[in-house]
Amino acid sequence: MKQLYIKQKVFSLSGKFTVKDQQEQDDYYVEGSFMQIPKTFSIMNTTRDEVARVTKKTFSFLPKFLVEVNGREVVTIKKEFSFLKAQYTIEAAGIVVHGNWWDMDFQVIQHGEVVGTVSKEWFTWGDSYKIQIVDEEMETIMIALVVAIDCVKADSSG
């Protein structure tokens, strides 16, 4: 089982951060486009090839975030119409998210099997999200999902 870490509060003004492995080596690079519309986050591997992209759709009635992996749209996170607390839904083909994804404590299940988990890690190199990947084919989707959820959270707080 592979473990990766993303530092909590990853969105800074520069919009750049890394995903690290257990040895604190950079495994993925994420770069955001804060001054562009639509707002996007590009996720690149160690050779700087883009493997996933998170895009905030700007011209929809309610905020919508699209996650593409290898050029294919795999996950959509949409804000639902609500008068009280902000409500979002995650839609993905064959993928279900169980748990409290708003607090970054959830499992990702595909076809009834847990393919990965995300949890908050305390007392590591700064508070971070720990991503455990059971099915290595889902690694890029797991990273993109965490970036997208953090993007949704940053967007709703500001």
Protein backbone atom coordinates (compact mmCIF):
# COMPACT_ATOMS: atom_id res chain seq x y z
CA MET A 1 0.00 0.00 0.00
CA LYS A 2 1.46 3.34 -1.07
CA GLN A 3 1.20 6.42 1.15
CA LEU A 4 1.40 10.01 -0.04
CA TYR A 5 1.11 13.30 1.84
CA ILE A 6 -0.27 16.72 0.93
CA LYS A 7 0.39 19.57 3.34
CA GLN A 8 -2.80 20.98 4.83
CA LYS A 9 -3.83 24.45 3.58
CA VAL A 10 -2.07 23.82 0.32
CA PHE A 11 -3.54 26.77 -1.52
CA SER A 12 -1.18 29.69 -1.25
CA LEU A 13 -0.98 32.77 -3.44
CA SER A 14 1.61 31.09 -5.62
CA GLY A 15 -0.72 28.15 -6.26
CA LYS A 16 2.16 25.65 -6.33
CA PHE A 17 2.76 22.73 -4.01
CA THR A 18 4.00 19.15 -4.03
CA VAL A 19 2.67 15.74 -3.05
CA LYS A 20 5.30 13.82 -1.11
CA ASP A 21 5.93 10.13 -0.51
CA GLN A 22 6.80 8.50 2.83
CA GLN A 23 10.46 9.53 2.46
CA GLU A 24 9.34 13.16 1.97
CA GLN A 25 10.43 13.08 -1.67
CA ASP A 26 8.34 14.96 -4.24
CA ASP A 27 6.04 12.53 -6.10
CA TYR A 28 3.65 14.97 -7.81
CA TYR A 29 3.66 18.69 -8.54
CA VAL A 30 0.48 20.78 -8.50
CA GLU A 31 0.24 24.22 -10.07
CA GLY A 32 -2.80 26.47 -9.96
CA SER A 33 -3.87 29.28 -12.25
CA PHE A 34 -5.23 31.83 -9.80
CA MET A 35 -5.44 34.78 -12.18
CA GLN A 36 -7.01 32.89 -15.08
CA ILE A 37 -10.60 31.97 -15.84
CA PRO A 38 -11.49 29.19 -15.57
CA LYS A 39 -9.42 28.43 -12.47
CA THR A 40 -7.47 25.21 -13.01
CA PHE A 41 -5.01 23.05 -11.12
CA SER A 42 -2.61 20.95 -13.12
CA ILE A 43 -1.25 17.78 -11.48
CA MET A 44 2.07 16.59 -12.89
CA ASN A 45 4.25 13.56 -12.29
CA THR A 46 7.97 13.70 -11.48
CA THR A 47 8.86 14.26 -15.15
CA ARG A 48 6.42 17.23 -15.19
CA ASP A 49 3.95 15.54 -17.53
CA GLU A 50 0.36 16.52 -16.75
CA VAL A 51 -1.53 13.46 -15.46
CA ALA A 52 -4.66 15.20 -14.13
CA ARG A 53 -6.43 18.56 -14.12
CA VAL A 54 -9.01 20.10 -11.80
CA THR A 55 -11.13 22.87 -13.36
CA LYS A 56 -13.68 25.15 -11.71
CA LYS A 57 -16.52 25.74 -14.17
CA THR A 58 -17.26 29.46 -14.06
CA PHE A 59 -20.40 29.76 -16.13
CA SER A 60 -22.70 27.44 -14.23
CA PHE A 61 -25.47 28.50 -11.86
CA LEU A 62 -23.82 26.80 -8.88
CA PRO A 63 -20.08 26.07 -8.56
CA LYS A 64 -18.92 22.90 -10.28
CA PHE A 65 -15.45 21.32 -10.28
CA LEU A 66 -14.37 18.84 -12.94
CA VAL A 67 -11.55 16.32 -12.46
CA GLU A 68 -9.85 14.98 -15.58
CA VAL A 69 -7.30 12.17 -15.51
CA ASN A 70 -5.32 11.49 -18.68
CA GLY A 71 -7.73 13.68 -20.64
CA ARG A 72 -10.87 11.87 -19.40
CA GLU A 73 -13.42 13.48 -17.10
CA VAL A 74 -13.70 11.11 -14.11
CA VAL A 75 -15.16 13.10 -11.20
CA THR A 76 -17.53 16.05 -10.84
CA ILE A 77 -18.06 17.91 -7.56
CA LYS A 78 -21.15 20.13 -7.62
CA LYS A 79 -22.60 22.55 -5.12
CA GLU A 80 -26.25 21.80 -4.46
CA PHE A 81 -28.90 24.47 -3.97
CA SER A 82 -29.35 24.88 -0.20
CA PHE A 83 -30.49 27.67 2.10
CA LEU A 84 -28.51 26.43 5.09
CA LYS A 85 -25.06 24.86 5.06
CA ALA A 86 -23.25 24.46 1.75
CA GLN A 87 -23.93 21.02 0.30
CA TYR A 88 -21.87 19.36 -2.39
CA THR A 89 -22.20 16.08 -4.23
CA ILE A 90 -19.42 13.99 -5.76
CA GLU A 91 -20.29 12.18 -8.97
CA ALA A 92 -17.93 9.65 -10.49
CA ALA A 93 -18.36 6.63 -12.70
CA GLY A 94 -18.05 3.54 -10.51
CA ILE A 95 -16.50 5.51 -7.62
CA VAL A 96 -18.18 6.17 -4.28
CA VAL A 97 -16.78 8.39 -1.51
CA HIS A 98 -17.72 7.23 2.02
CA GLY A 99 -17.06 9.26 5.15
CA ASN A 100 -16.62 12.91 5.92
CA TRP A 101 -14.86 14.25 2.86
CA TRP A 102 -15.32 17.86 4.02
CA ASP A 103 -12.97 17.05 6.94
CA MET A 104 -10.69 14.95 4.71
CA ASP A 105 -11.53 11.66 6.42
CA PHE A 106 -12.97 9.26 3.84
CA GLN A 107 -12.63 6.08 1.82
CA VAL A 108 -12.82 5.82 -1.95
CA ILE A 109 -14.64 2.69 -3.09
CA GLN A 110 -14.78 1.35 -6.62
CA HIS A 111 -17.02 -1.62 -7.48
CA GLY A 112 -17.41 -2.46 -3.78
CA GLU A 113 -13.65 -2.50 -3.05
CA VAL A 114 -11.74 0.14 -1.06
CA VAL A 115 -9.15 1.56 -3.46
CA GLY A 116 -7.84 4.28 -1.13
CA THR A 117 -8.36 6.29 2.03
CA VAL A 118 -7.70 9.90 2.99
CA SER A 119 -7.17 11.12 6.55
CA LYS A 120 -5.72 14.06 8.37
CA GLU A 121 -2.28 13.43 9.80
CA TRP A 122 -1.14 15.33 12.84
CA PHE A 123 2.44 15.54 14.11
CA THR A 124 3.94 14.90 10.69
CA TRP A 125 5.97 17.51 8.80
CA GLY A 126 3.24 20.05 9.47
CA ASP A 127 -0.38 18.95 9.47
CA SER A 128 -1.09 17.12 6.26
CA TYR A 129 -3.51 14.85 4.46
CA LYS A 130 -2.40 11.23 4.30
CA ILE A 131 -3.50 9.40 1.18
CA GLN A 132 -3.28 5.61 1.33
CA ILE A 133 -3.58 3.95 -2.05
CA VAL A 134 -4.63 0.30 -2.12
CA ASP A 135 -5.16 0.04 -5.89
CA GLU A 136 -2.20 1.74 -7.59
CA GLU A 137 -4.25 2.25 -10.78
CA MET A 138 -6.33 4.72 -8.74
CA GLU A 139 -3.34 6.76 -7.52
CA THR A 140 -3.79 9.70 -9.90
CA ILE A 141 -7.55 9.83 -9.30
CA MET A 142 -6.95 9.84 -5.52
CA ILE A 143 -4.49 12.76 -5.76
CA ALA A 144 -6.82 14.69 -8.10
CA LEU A 145 -9.80 14.05 -5.80
CA VAL A 146 -7.99 15.45 -2.76
CA VAL A 147 -6.85 18.53 -4.73
CA ALA A 148 -10.41 19.04 -6.03
CA ILE A 149 -11.98 18.74 -2.56
CA ASP A 150 -9.44 21.17 -1.11
CA CYS A 151 -10.21 23.53 -4.00
CA VAL A 152 -13.94 23.30 -3.23
CA LYS A 153 -13.25 24.03 0.45
CA ALA A 154 -11.00 27.02 -0.36
CA ASP A 155 -13.60 28.34 -2.82
CA SER A 156 -16.48 28.10 -0.35
CA SER A 157 -14.57 29.81 2.46
CA GLY A 158 -13.68 32.84 0.38
